[in-house]
Amino acid sequence: MRRRAYLASAAAALAGCTTGYRGEGPDDAAPGTPAPSPEGEADIVSTGLPVTLCEEAISPGGLRPIVGPAFGQDWSGVDAEDRYGELTDATTVIGLTAGDRARAYPISLVRFHEAVNDELDGPTLVTYCSICRSGMVAERRVDGEATRFAASGLLWRPPGEHTAARIDDDTVFGATDENPDALIRNSGNLVLYDEATESYWSQLLAKAVCGPRTGERLTILPSTVTTWGEWRRDHPGGEVLLPPPASETVARL
């Protein structure tokens, strides 16, 4: 099986956004805006873009997190939207194991939801940002307590040196639908929020950058990026994430 090779090089930063994301600009006193960050902890936001991130409200648009994941041996007989494509041997998957259990999360599915809230030997969070081509898997805990995460609909580009450090220490990995070895792009990146405190979390940094938990880091879980064909050969009894409606999603946590 190919183990994801983490690379310290990142492409030049790109500004951008996709359907479901808001542009820059504060939204004063809007519902869903995170509480003020602890004094002295919000400085990192001012070194990225936009510097107004902590002033902006949660606006997920069509980004619906998976909160009730369902799994099967493959996608045979699954009734799903065309946008998810087909599960083939060439499909890139994020693979997790816990004891004798093995699960695969196709990037072609996760990319449309950006956050999968699972339970695999503990509360598990699987994330993917198609703009940065970045994945991150962690415990879905805040201040030691299990909670759920979702895409806020906002984007924030971390300082390049911070992203490079997180690539070096295997916090995040690069991949696309068709390439398990794609490089990460340090661009406008997925900003998650947690249900418990509505703090904002940078996916590339796996760290809260706005709100009550600012400065807290997520605990990263080991993962593998490979193809469905390779994963299935190495884990013949494993499961694969099924697309909605088999897997449950919500509009807002």
Protein backbone atom coordinates (compact mmCIF):
# COMPACT_ATOMS: atom_id res chain seq x y z
CA MET A 1 0.00 0.00 0.00
CA ARG A 2 1.26 3.49 -0.75
CA ARG A 3 1.70 5.60 2.34
CA ARG A 4 1.03 9.29 1.72
CA ALA A 5 4.34 11.12 1.23
CA TYR A 6 4.13 14.43 3.03
CA LEU A 7 5.94 17.24 1.25
CA ALA A 8 7.03 20.56 2.66
CA SER A 9 6.68 22.45 -0.61
CA ALA A 10 3.40 24.27 -1.26
CA ALA A 11 2.15 25.99 -4.38
CA ALA A 12 1.85 29.77 -4.55
CA ALA A 13 -1.11 31.04 -2.57
CA LEU A 14 -4.33 31.40 -4.53
CA ALA A 15 -7.36 33.41 -3.57
CA GLY A 16 -10.57 31.63 -4.35
CA CYS A 17 -13.87 30.27 -3.24
CA THR A 18 -16.47 27.76 -4.37
CA THR A 19 -20.21 27.35 -4.07
CA GLY A 20 -21.27 27.58 -0.44
CA TYR A 21 -18.45 29.91 0.63
CA ARG A 22 -18.73 33.55 1.60
CA GLY A 23 -16.32 36.19 0.46
CA GLU A 24 -14.42 38.58 2.68
CA GLY A 25 -16.02 41.26 4.79
CA PRO A 26 -17.23 41.62 8.40
CA ASP A 27 -20.82 40.99 9.43
CA ASP A 28 -21.17 42.92 12.68
CA ALA A 29 -23.17 41.22 15.43
CA ALA A 30 -24.46 38.60 13.01
CA PRO A 31 -25.81 35.36 14.51
CA GLY A 32 -23.20 32.63 14.55
CA THR A 33 -20.22 34.98 14.92
CA PRO A 34 -17.76 33.38 17.36
CA ALA A 35 -17.28 34.89 20.80
CA PRO A 36 -14.18 37.06 21.28
CA SER A 37 -10.92 35.14 21.37
CA PRO A 38 -8.80 35.01 24.53
CA GLU A 39 -6.59 38.07 24.82
CA GLY A 40 -3.40 37.73 22.80
CA GLU A 41 -4.47 34.55 21.00
CA ALA A 42 -6.04 36.04 17.88
CA ASP A 43 -2.77 37.44 16.45
CA ILE A 44 -2.34 34.60 13.96
CA VAL A 45 -5.53 35.63 12.13
CA SER A 46 -4.02 39.04 11.38
CA THR A 47 -1.09 37.35 9.64
CA GLY A 48 -3.35 35.39 7.25
CA LEU A 49 -6.16 36.37 4.89
CA PRO A 50 -8.73 37.69 5.43
CA VAL A 51 -7.77 39.45 8.65
CA THR A 52 -11.51 39.92 9.35
CA LEU A 53 -12.20 36.20 9.76
CA CYS A 54 -13.20 36.43 13.43
CA GLU A 55 -15.76 39.12 12.61
CA GLU A 56 -17.59 36.99 10.05
CA ALA A 57 -20.63 34.82 10.77
CA ILE A 58 -21.12 31.14 10.03
CA SER A 59 -22.67 30.85 6.57
CA PRO A 60 -22.45 27.24 5.34
CA GLY A 61 -24.67 27.64 2.30
CA GLY A 62 -24.98 24.20 0.70
CA LEU A 63 -22.15 22.61 2.69
CA ARG A 64 -23.84 19.92 4.79
CA PRO A 65 -21.64 17.95 7.21
CA ILE A 66 -22.08 14.20 7.47
CA VAL A 67 -23.28 13.48 10.99
CA GLY A 68 -24.63 9.94 10.61
CA PRO A 69 -22.16 8.10 8.38
CA ALA A 70 -23.24 4.78 6.88
CA PHE A 71 -20.84 2.17 5.52
CA GLY A 72 -20.93 -0.79 3.16
CA GLN A 73 -18.64 -3.19 1.34
CA ASP A 74 -18.90 -1.07 -1.82
CA TRP A 75 -21.39 1.24 -3.57
CA SER A 76 -23.31 -1.52 -5.34
CA GLY A 77 -27.02 -0.71 -5.45
CA VAL A 78 -26.51 2.66 -3.74
CA ASP A 79 -28.93 5.41 -4.81
CA ALA A 80 -26.81 8.57 -4.87
CA GLU A 81 -26.51 11.90 -6.68
CA ASP A 82 -24.48 11.93 -9.88
CA ARG A 83 -22.02 14.46 -8.43
CA TYR A 84 -20.43 11.77 -6.27
CA GLY A 85 -19.39 9.80 -9.33
CA GLU A 86 -18.61 6.09 -9.18
CA LEU A 87 -16.47 4.17 -6.72
CA THR A 88 -13.77 2.55 -8.84
CA ASP A 89 -10.41 0.97 -8.09
CA ALA A 90 -8.79 4.31 -9.06
CA THR A 91 -10.86 6.41 -6.64
CA THR A 92 -8.70 8.14 -4.01
CA VAL A 93 -9.69 7.29 -0.44
CA ILE A 94 -8.65 8.31 3.04
CA GLY A 95 -8.14 5.13 5.03
CA LEU A 96 -8.44 4.62 8.80
CA THR A 97 -7.95 1.52 10.94
CA ALA A 98 -8.80 0.67 14.53
CA GLY A 99 -7.94 -2.84 15.63
CA ASP A 100 -9.39 -5.20 13.03
CA ARG A 101 -11.73 -2.50 11.66
CA ALA A 102 -10.89 -0.59 8.48
CA ARG A 103 -12.81 2.25 6.87
CA ALA A 104 -12.31 4.15 3.64
CA TYR A 105 -13.62 7.66 2.93
CA PRO A 106 -13.67 8.50 -0.82
CA ILE A 107 -12.45 12.03 -1.47
CA SER A 108 -14.99 12.28 -4.31
CA LEU A 109 -17.65 12.09 -1.58
CA VAL A 110 -16.02 13.93 1.33
CA ARG A 111 -15.19 16.96 -0.83
CA PHE A 112 -18.87 17.88 -1.14
CA HIS A 113 -19.42 17.85 2.64
CA GLU A 114 -15.93 18.73 3.91
CA ALA A 115 -16.54 17.22 7.37
CA VAL A 116 -17.47 13.66 8.33
CA ASN A 117 -18.32 13.10 11.99
CA ASP A 118 -17.66 9.44 12.70
CA GLU A 119 -17.03 7.10 15.62
CA LEU A 120 -14.10 4.71 15.13
CA ASP A 121 -12.37 3.76 18.36
CA GLY A 122 -13.51 7.17 19.63
CA PRO A 123 -14.97 10.37 18.16
CA THR A 124 -13.38 10.82 14.73
CA LEU A 125 -13.35 13.74 12.30
CA VAL A 126 -12.44 13.34 8.62
CA THR A 127 -12.07 16.57 6.62
CA TYR A 128 -11.16 17.59 3.09
CA CYS A 129 -10.78 20.97 1.38
CA SER A 130 -10.90 20.80 -2.43
CA ILE A 131 -9.47 24.32 -2.86
CA CYS A 132 -6.28 23.47 -0.98
CA ARG A 133 -6.41 19.77 -1.90
CA SER A 134 -5.83 19.11 1.78
CA GLY A 135 -7.09 16.42 4.15
CA MET A 136 -6.95 16.23 7.92
CA VAL A 137 -8.12 13.50 10.31
CA ALA A 138 -8.42 14.13 14.03
CA GLU A 139 -10.28 13.38 17.22
CA ARG A 140 -13.47 15.44 17.24
CA ARG A 141 -13.00 16.72 20.76
CA VAL A 142 -12.95 20.25 22.14
CA ASP A 143 -11.52 20.78 25.61
CA GLY A 144 -11.55 17.00 26.01
CA GLU A 145 -15.26 16.60 25.23
CA ALA A 146 -16.71 14.99 22.09
CA THR A 147 -18.51 17.36 19.73
CA ARG A 148 -19.34 17.66 16.06
CA PHE A 149 -17.71 19.80 13.37
CA ALA A 150 -18.91 21.38 10.15
CA ALA A 151 -17.71 23.74 7.44
CA SER A 152 -18.44 27.34 8.37
CA GLY A 153 -18.69 28.46 4.75
CA LEU A 154 -15.73 30.76 5.35
CA LEU A 155 -12.19 30.64 3.96
CA TRP A 156 -8.93 31.69 5.57
CA ARG A 157 -5.41 31.41 4.18
CA PRO A 158 -2.84 30.71 6.92
CA PRO A 159 0.69 32.15 6.75
CA GLY A 160 2.77 29.94 4.45
CA GLU A 161 5.33 29.01 7.08
CA HIS A 162 2.60 27.72 9.41
CA THR A 163 1.12 25.55 6.67
CA ALA A 164 4.58 24.18 5.77
CA ALA A 165 5.17 23.23 9.41
CA ARG A 166 1.88 21.32 9.56
CA ILE A 167 2.78 19.46 6.36
CA ASP A 168 6.17 18.56 7.81
CA ASP A 169 4.70 17.15 11.02
CA ASP A 170 2.02 15.13 9.16
CA THR A 171 -0.91 17.16 10.50
CA VAL A 172 -2.32 17.51 6.98
CA PHE A 173 -1.87 15.68 3.69
CA GLY A 174 -2.44 16.46 0.03
CA ALA A 175 -4.65 14.49 -2.37
CA THR A 176 -7.28 14.86 -5.08
CA ASP A 177 -10.05 12.65 -6.45
CA GLU A 178 -7.63 11.12 -8.91
CA ASN A 179 -4.19 11.61 -7.32
CA PRO A 180 -3.31 10.31 -3.83
CA ASP A 181 0.02 12.15 -4.05
CA ALA A 182 -1.14 15.67 -4.98
CA LEU A 183 0.58 18.63 -3.36
CA ILE A 184 -1.25 20.89 -0.92
CA ARG A 185 -2.00 24.43 -2.12
CA ASN A 186 -1.77 27.11 0.57
CA SER A 187 -4.88 28.96 -0.55
CA GLY A 188 -8.20 30.06 0.91
CA ASN A 189 -8.70 27.12 3.26
CA LEU A 190 -11.63 25.40 4.91
CA VAL A 191 -12.64 26.98 8.22
CA LEU A 192 -14.48 24.54 10.47
CA TYR A 193 -16.61 25.33 13.49
CA ASP A 194 -17.45 23.09 16.41
CA GLU A 195 -20.96 22.60 17.72
CA ALA A 196 -20.02 23.03 21.39
CA THR A 197 -18.42 26.50 21.28
CA GLU A 198 -18.70 27.65 17.63
CA SER A 199 -15.01 28.45 17.64
CA TYR A 200 -13.41 28.65 14.19
CA TRP A 201 -10.78 26.04 13.33
CA SER A 202 -8.25 26.22 10.51
CA GLN A 203 -8.19 22.86 8.72
CA LEU A 204 -4.61 23.28 7.50
CA LEU A 205 -3.40 24.10 11.01
CA ALA A 206 -5.83 21.79 12.90
CA LYS A 207 -6.10 24.67 15.34
CA ALA A 208 -8.76 27.03 16.65
CA VAL A 209 -8.07 30.55 15.43
CA CYS A 210 -11.22 32.40 16.60
CA GLY A 211 -13.59 32.03 19.52
CA PRO A 212 -13.39 30.57 23.05
CA ARG A 213 -11.03 27.72 22.11
CA THR A 214 -8.53 29.87 20.20
CA GLY A 215 -5.08 28.34 20.39
CA GLU A 216 -6.31 24.80 21.06
CA ARG A 217 -5.07 22.12 18.67
CA LEU A 218 -6.91 19.03 17.53
CA THR A 219 -5.36 15.63 18.22
CA ILE A 220 -4.35 14.19 14.85
CA LEU A 221 -5.17 10.56 14.05
CA PRO A 222 -3.04 8.42 11.72
CA SER A 223 -4.47 7.95 8.25
CA THR A 224 -3.48 6.62 4.85
CA VAL A 225 -4.21 8.04 1.41
CA THR A 226 -4.37 5.49 -1.37
CA THR A 227 -6.74 4.15 -4.01
CA TRP A 228 -9.88 2.17 -3.32
CA GLY A 229 -8.43 -0.77 -5.21
CA GLU A 230 -5.28 -0.88 -3.08
CA TRP A 231 -7.17 -0.30 0.16
CA ARG A 232 -9.66 -3.06 -0.60
CA ARG A 233 -6.87 -5.52 -1.41
CA ASP A 234 -5.10 -4.76 1.88
CA HIS A 235 -8.33 -4.67 3.90
CA PRO A 236 -10.72 -7.15 2.23
CA GLY A 237 -13.16 -7.01 5.14
CA GLY A 238 -13.13 -3.22 5.34
CA GLU A 239 -15.97 -0.75 4.86
CA VAL A 240 -16.40 2.32 2.69
CA LEU A 241 -18.39 5.48 3.43
CA LEU A 242 -21.70 5.56 1.55
CA PRO A 243 -23.07 8.76 0.00
CA PRO A 244 -26.31 10.39 1.15
CA PRO A 245 -29.09 9.57 1.62
CA ALA A 246 -27.54 6.46 3.20
CA SER A 247 -25.28 8.76 5.23
CA GLU A 248 -27.16 11.44 7.16
CA THR A 249 -26.34 15.12 6.70
CA VAL A 250 -27.63 18.31 8.31
CA ALA A 251 -27.85 21.87 7.08
CA ARG A 252 -26.53 23.41 10.32
CA LEU A 253 -25.19 22.01 13.57
